[in-house]
Amino acid sequence: MPNTIEDVMRLEREFKACHKVLTAIGDETRQHLICVMLQNECGGHRVIDIAKQTSLSRPAVSHHMQILRDAGIVKSRKEGTCIYYYLDPEAGQLSALITLFSDVREFMKYVPDRSGDND
């Protein structure tokens, strides 16, 4: 069934709702930081420890962790004077992304082939 105007409007709302997480994971440095965090213990990571595992400075890691946190991918907890960052396995924003991409894939089934037969 072809996409209706309502379907397209819903897709636009989904894109808007996922803007922060798309921006956050669209950056190669943040992608690398997520992978670094996935390779280590689940209890959390201090900025200084992450910086030691990467070529980034502590302020750069802090900056990227804040963006990931604002996007809902990373959470943090404070123990004394230390802040530990960890990936949020319940990240609702990731579920929203899965829904968005699933909807895009479904919409693409009804997009007419415009490639032509020029091959």
N, C-alpha and C. Protein backbone atom coordinates (compact mmCIF):
# COMPACT_ATOMS: atom_id res chain seq x y z
N MET A 1 0.85 -1.18 0.00
CA MET A 1 0.00 0.00 0.00
C MET A 1 0.89 1.24 0.00
N PRO A 2 0.64 2.19 -0.88
CA PRO A 2 1.47 3.39 -0.97
C PRO A 2 1.42 4.21 0.32
N ASN A 3 2.47 4.98 0.53
CA ASN A 3 2.56 5.83 1.72
C ASN A 3 1.58 6.99 1.61
N THR A 4 0.89 7.26 2.71
CA THR A 4 -0.04 8.38 2.74
C THR A 4 0.67 9.60 3.32
N ILE A 5 0.03 10.73 3.21
CA ILE A 5 0.58 11.96 3.78
C ILE A 5 0.75 11.79 5.29
N GLU A 6 -0.21 11.12 5.92
CA GLU A 6 -0.13 10.90 7.36
C GLU A 6 1.09 10.04 7.71
N ASP A 7 1.38 9.02 6.87
CA ASP A 7 2.55 8.17 7.10
C ASP A 7 3.84 8.99 7.01
N VAL A 8 3.91 9.83 6.01
CA VAL A 8 5.11 10.66 5.83
C VAL A 8 5.25 11.65 6.98
N MET A 9 4.16 12.20 7.43
CA MET A 9 4.21 13.13 8.56
C MET A 9 4.66 12.41 9.83
N ARG A 10 4.19 11.18 10.02
CA ARG A 10 4.63 10.38 11.17
C ARG A 10 6.12 10.10 11.09
N LEU A 11 6.60 9.80 9.89
CA LEU A 11 8.03 9.55 9.70
C LEU A 11 8.84 10.81 10.01
N GLU A 12 8.35 11.95 9.60
CA GLU A 12 9.04 13.21 9.92
C GLU A 12 9.09 13.43 11.43
N ARG A 13 8.02 13.11 12.13
CA ARG A 13 8.03 13.23 13.60
C ARG A 13 9.03 12.27 14.22
N GLU A 14 9.12 11.06 13.68
CA GLU A 14 10.09 10.09 14.19
C GLU A 14 11.52 10.59 13.98
N PHE A 15 11.81 11.14 12.79
CA PHE A 15 13.14 11.69 12.54
C PHE A 15 13.45 12.81 13.55
N LYS A 16 12.48 13.69 13.76
CA LYS A 16 12.68 14.79 14.70
C LYS A 16 12.94 14.27 16.11
N ALA A 17 12.18 13.25 16.53
CA ALA A 17 12.35 12.69 17.87
C ALA A 17 13.72 12.01 18.02
N CYS A 18 14.29 11.54 16.93
CA CYS A 18 15.58 10.83 16.96
C CYS A 18 16.77 11.73 16.64
N HIS A 19 16.52 13.02 16.46
CA HIS A 19 17.58 13.94 16.03
C HIS A 19 18.82 13.89 16.92
N LYS A 20 18.63 13.97 18.24
CA LYS A 20 19.78 13.98 19.14
C LYS A 20 20.61 12.71 19.05
N VAL A 21 19.93 11.58 19.02
CA VAL A 21 20.68 10.31 18.97
C VAL A 21 21.33 10.12 17.61
N LEU A 22 20.68 10.54 16.54
CA LEU A 22 21.30 10.45 15.22
C LEU A 22 22.55 11.32 15.13
N THR A 23 22.45 12.52 15.69
CA THR A 23 23.61 13.41 15.72
C THR A 23 24.72 12.81 16.57
N ALA A 24 24.36 12.27 17.72
CA ALA A 24 25.36 11.71 18.63
C ALA A 24 26.10 10.54 18.00
N ILE A 25 25.39 9.62 17.40
CA ILE A 25 26.06 8.43 16.87
C ILE A 25 26.59 8.66 15.45
N GLY A 26 26.28 9.81 14.87
CA GLY A 26 26.78 10.13 13.54
C GLY A 26 28.24 10.56 13.54
N ASP A 27 28.78 10.83 14.70
CA ASP A 27 30.16 11.29 14.83
C ASP A 27 31.09 10.09 15.02
N GLU A 28 32.15 10.00 14.21
CA GLU A 28 33.07 8.86 14.27
C GLU A 28 33.75 8.73 15.63
N THR A 29 34.08 9.84 16.25
CA THR A 29 34.72 9.78 17.57
C THR A 29 33.78 9.17 18.59
N ARG A 30 32.53 9.57 18.57
CA ARG A 30 31.57 9.01 19.52
C ARG A 30 31.28 7.54 19.21
N GLN A 31 31.29 7.18 17.94
CA GLN A 31 31.15 5.77 17.58
C GLN A 31 32.30 4.97 18.20
N HIS A 32 33.50 5.51 18.09
CA HIS A 32 34.68 4.84 18.66
C HIS A 32 34.55 4.74 20.19
N LEU A 33 34.09 5.79 20.83
CA LEU A 33 33.94 5.77 22.28
C LEU A 33 32.92 4.72 22.71
N ILE A 34 31.84 4.59 21.98
CA ILE A 34 30.86 3.54 22.29
C ILE A 34 31.51 2.17 22.18
N CYS A 35 32.30 1.96 21.14
CA CYS A 35 32.98 0.67 20.96
C CYS A 35 33.98 0.41 22.07
N VAL A 36 34.70 1.44 22.50
CA VAL A 36 35.64 1.30 23.62
C VAL A 36 34.88 0.89 24.88
N MET A 37 33.75 1.52 25.11
CA MET A 37 32.95 1.20 26.29
C MET A 37 32.39 -0.22 26.23
N LEU A 38 32.08 -0.69 25.04
CA LEU A 38 31.55 -2.05 24.89
C LEU A 38 32.62 -3.11 25.14
N GLN A 39 33.88 -2.76 24.96
CA GLN A 39 34.97 -3.72 25.12
C GLN A 39 35.39 -3.90 26.57
N ASN A 40 34.96 -3.04 27.44
CA ASN A 40 35.43 -3.05 28.82
C ASN A 40 34.32 -3.45 29.78
N GLU A 41 34.64 -3.44 31.05
CA GLU A 41 33.68 -3.84 32.08
C GLU A 41 32.45 -2.95 32.06
N CYS A 42 31.37 -3.50 32.53
CA CYS A 42 30.07 -2.82 32.48
C CYS A 42 29.86 -1.82 33.61
N GLY A 43 30.72 -1.83 34.62
CA GLY A 43 30.51 -1.01 35.80
C GLY A 43 30.63 0.48 35.58
N GLY A 44 31.19 0.88 34.48
CA GLY A 44 31.34 2.30 34.18
C GLY A 44 32.79 2.65 33.93
N HIS A 45 32.97 3.79 33.32
CA HIS A 45 34.30 4.23 32.91
C HIS A 45 34.49 5.68 33.31
N ARG A 46 35.63 5.96 33.90
CA ARG A 46 35.97 7.35 34.19
C ARG A 46 36.55 7.97 32.93
N VAL A 47 36.39 9.27 32.79
CA VAL A 47 36.90 9.99 31.63
C VAL A 47 38.40 9.76 31.47
N ILE A 48 39.13 9.79 32.57
CA ILE A 48 40.58 9.62 32.48
C ILE A 48 40.94 8.24 31.92
N ASP A 49 40.17 7.21 32.30
CA ASP A 49 40.44 5.86 31.80
C ASP A 49 40.12 5.74 30.31
N ILE A 50 39.04 6.37 29.90
CA ILE A 50 38.68 6.36 28.47
C ILE A 50 39.73 7.12 27.68
N ALA A 51 40.18 8.25 28.20
CA ALA A 51 41.21 9.04 27.50
C ALA A 51 42.49 8.23 27.32
N LYS A 52 42.85 7.43 28.31
CA LYS A 52 44.06 6.60 28.21
C LYS A 52 43.93 5.55 27.10
N GLN A 53 42.71 5.10 26.83
CA GLN A 53 42.48 4.07 25.81
C GLN A 53 42.32 4.64 24.41
N THR A 54 42.26 5.96 24.33
CA THR A 54 42.06 6.61 23.03
C THR A 54 43.12 7.68 22.86
N SER A 55 43.08 8.34 21.75
CA SER A 55 44.01 9.44 21.51
C SER A 55 43.38 10.78 21.87
N LEU A 56 42.33 10.75 22.67
CA LEU A 56 41.60 11.96 23.03
C LEU A 56 42.05 12.51 24.38
N SER A 57 41.92 13.80 24.52
CA SER A 57 42.22 14.44 25.81
C SER A 57 41.04 14.22 26.76
N ARG A 58 41.26 14.42 28.03
CA ARG A 58 40.17 14.31 29.01
C ARG A 58 39.03 15.28 28.70
N PRO A 59 39.33 16.55 28.38
CA PRO A 59 38.22 17.46 28.05
C PRO A 59 37.43 17.00 26.81
N ALA A 60 38.13 16.43 25.83
CA ALA A 60 37.43 15.95 24.62
C ALA A 60 36.53 14.78 24.97
N VAL A 61 37.02 13.84 25.78
CA VAL A 61 36.20 12.70 26.19
C VAL A 61 34.98 13.19 26.97
N SER A 62 35.19 14.13 27.89
CA SER A 62 34.08 14.68 28.67
C SER A 62 33.02 15.30 27.76
N HIS A 63 33.47 16.04 26.78
CA HIS A 63 32.57 16.68 25.82
C HIS A 63 31.73 15.63 25.08
N HIS A 64 32.38 14.61 24.57
CA HIS A 64 31.67 13.58 23.82
C HIS A 64 30.75 12.76 24.72
N MET A 65 31.17 12.49 25.95
CA MET A 65 30.33 11.75 26.88
C MET A 65 29.07 12.55 27.21
N GLN A 66 29.20 13.86 27.32
CA GLN A 66 28.03 14.70 27.60
C GLN A 66 27.04 14.64 26.45
N ILE A 67 27.53 14.65 25.22
CA ILE A 67 26.65 14.56 24.05
C ILE A 67 25.94 13.21 24.04
N LEU A 68 26.69 12.13 24.31
CA LEU A 68 26.09 10.80 24.35
C LEU A 68 25.07 10.69 25.49
N ARG A 69 25.38 11.36 26.59
CA ARG A 69 24.46 11.36 27.73
C ARG A 69 23.19 12.13 27.41
N ASP A 70 23.34 13.30 26.81
CA ASP A 70 22.18 14.11 26.42
C ASP A 70 21.29 13.38 25.40
N ALA A 71 21.91 12.52 24.60
CA ALA A 71 21.16 11.76 23.59
C ALA A 71 20.49 10.53 24.19
N GLY A 72 20.81 10.20 25.44
CA GLY A 72 20.18 9.07 26.10
C GLY A 72 20.86 7.74 25.85
N ILE A 73 22.08 7.75 25.35
CA ILE A 73 22.81 6.51 25.06
C ILE A 73 23.67 6.11 26.26
N VAL A 74 24.19 7.11 26.95
CA VAL A 74 25.09 6.90 28.08
C VAL A 74 24.45 7.49 29.33
N LYS A 75 24.67 6.83 30.45
CA LYS A 75 24.26 7.37 31.75
C LYS A 75 25.53 7.58 32.57
N SER A 76 25.38 8.28 33.67
CA SER A 76 26.52 8.49 34.55
C SER A 76 26.08 8.36 36.00
N ARG A 77 27.06 8.03 36.84
CA ARG A 77 26.81 8.00 38.27
C ARG A 77 28.06 8.54 38.96
N LYS A 78 27.84 9.16 40.09
CA LYS A 78 28.94 9.77 40.83
C LYS A 78 29.23 8.93 42.06
N GLU A 79 30.50 8.64 42.26
CA GLU A 79 30.96 7.94 43.46
C GLU A 79 32.09 8.79 44.04
N GLY A 80 31.79 9.46 45.12
CA GLY A 80 32.77 10.37 45.69
C GLY A 80 33.03 11.51 44.72
N THR A 81 34.28 11.66 44.32
CA THR A 81 34.63 12.72 43.36
C THR A 81 34.71 12.19 41.94
N CYS A 82 34.46 10.90 41.74
CA CYS A 82 34.57 10.28 40.41
C CYS A 82 33.20 10.15 39.76
N ILE A 83 33.18 10.40 38.47
CA ILE A 83 31.98 10.20 37.66
C ILE A 83 32.26 9.03 36.73
N TYR A 84 31.37 8.05 36.76
CA TYR A 84 31.49 6.87 35.91
C TYR A 84 30.41 6.93 34.83
N TYR A 85 30.83 6.75 33.59
CA TYR A 85 29.91 6.72 32.46
C TYR A 85 29.71 5.27 32.04
N TYR A 86 28.49 4.93 31.69
CA TYR A 86 28.20 3.58 31.23
C TYR A 86 27.08 3.63 30.18
N LEU A 87 27.09 2.63 29.30
CA LEU A 87 26.06 2.55 28.27
C LEU A 87 24.75 2.15 28.92
N ASP A 88 23.69 2.74 28.47
CA ASP A 88 22.36 2.47 29.02
C ASP A 88 21.69 1.36 28.22
N PRO A 89 21.63 0.14 28.78
CA PRO A 89 21.02 -0.96 28.03
C PRO A 89 19.52 -0.77 27.80
N GLU A 90 18.92 0.12 28.54
CA GLU A 90 17.49 0.39 28.40
C GLU A 90 17.24 1.61 27.51
N ALA A 91 18.25 2.08 26.83
CA ALA A 91 18.16 3.33 26.07
C ALA A 91 16.94 3.35 25.16
N GLY A 92 15.95 4.10 25.57
CA GLY A 92 14.73 4.22 24.79
C GLY A 92 14.97 4.84 23.43
N GLN A 93 15.98 5.69 23.36
CA GLN A 93 16.28 6.33 22.09
C GLN A 93 16.75 5.32 21.05
N LEU A 94 17.43 4.27 21.49
CA LEU A 94 17.85 3.23 20.54
C LEU A 94 16.64 2.48 20.01
N SER A 95 15.66 2.25 20.86
CA SER A 95 14.42 1.62 20.41
C SER A 95 13.70 2.50 19.41
N ALA A 96 13.72 3.80 19.65
CA ALA A 96 13.09 4.74 18.71
C ALA A 96 13.81 4.71 17.37
N LEU A 97 15.13 4.56 17.39
CA LEU A 97 15.90 4.47 16.14
C LEU A 97 15.55 3.19 15.38
N ILE A 98 15.43 2.10 16.10
CA ILE A 98 15.07 0.82 15.46
C ILE A 98 13.71 0.96 14.77
N THR A 99 12.77 1.59 15.46
CA THR A 99 11.44 1.82 14.88
C THR A 99 11.55 2.72 13.65
N LEU A 100 12.32 3.80 13.76
CA LEU A 100 12.50 4.72 12.64
C LEU A 100 13.05 3.99 11.42
N PHE A 101 14.14 3.23 11.61
CA PHE A 101 14.75 2.54 10.47
C PHE A 101 13.83 1.47 9.90
N SER A 102 13.08 0.81 10.75
CA SER A 102 12.11 -0.18 10.29
C SER A 102 11.04 0.49 9.44
N ASP A 103 10.56 1.65 9.90
CA ASP A 103 9.56 2.38 9.14
C ASP A 103 10.11 2.88 7.81
N VAL A 104 11.34 3.37 7.81
CA VAL A 104 11.96 3.83 6.56
C VAL A 104 12.05 2.65 5.58
N ARG A 105 12.50 1.50 6.07
CA ARG A 105 12.61 0.32 5.21
C ARG A 105 11.24 -0.04 4.63
N GLU A 106 10.22 0.02 5.46
CA GLU A 106 8.87 -0.29 4.99
C GLU A 106 8.41 0.72 3.94
N PHE A 107 8.69 2.00 4.16
CA PHE A 107 8.29 3.04 3.21
C PHE A 107 9.00 2.85 1.88
N MET A 108 10.27 2.41 1.94
CA MET A 108 11.06 2.27 0.72
C MET A 108 10.49 1.20 -0.21
N LYS A 109 9.70 0.29 0.31
CA LYS A 109 9.08 -0.74 -0.53
C LYS A 109 8.14 -0.13 -1.56
N TYR A 110 7.62 1.05 -1.26
CA TYR A 110 6.63 1.68 -2.11
C TYR A 110 7.17 2.86 -2.91
N VAL A 111 8.47 3.09 -2.83
CA VAL A 111 9.07 4.16 -3.61
C VAL A 111 9.30 3.62 -5.02
N PRO A 112 8.83 4.34 -6.02
CA PRO A 112 8.99 3.84 -7.38
C PRO A 112 10.47 3.79 -7.79
N ASP A 113 10.81 2.81 -8.59
CA ASP A 113 12.17 2.67 -9.11
C ASP A 113 12.38 3.76 -10.15
N ARG A 114 13.33 4.63 -9.89
CA ARG A 114 13.61 5.74 -10.81
C ARG A 114 14.98 5.60 -11.46
N SER A 115 15.55 4.41 -11.34
CA SER A 115 16.89 4.22 -11.88
C SER A 115 16.89 4.16 -13.40
N GLY A 116 15.78 3.81 -13.99
CA GLY A 116 15.69 3.72 -15.45
C GLY A 116 16.39 2.47 -15.95
N ASP A 117 16.28 2.24 -17.22
CA ASP A 117 16.91 1.08 -17.84
C ASP A 117 18.09 1.53 -18.70
N ASN A 118 18.90 2.44 -18.19
CA ASN A 118 20.00 3.00 -18.96
C ASN A 118 21.25 2.15 -18.88
N ASP A 119 21.23 1.02 -18.17
CA ASP A 119 22.43 0.20 -18.00
C ASP A 119 22.73 -0.62 -19.18
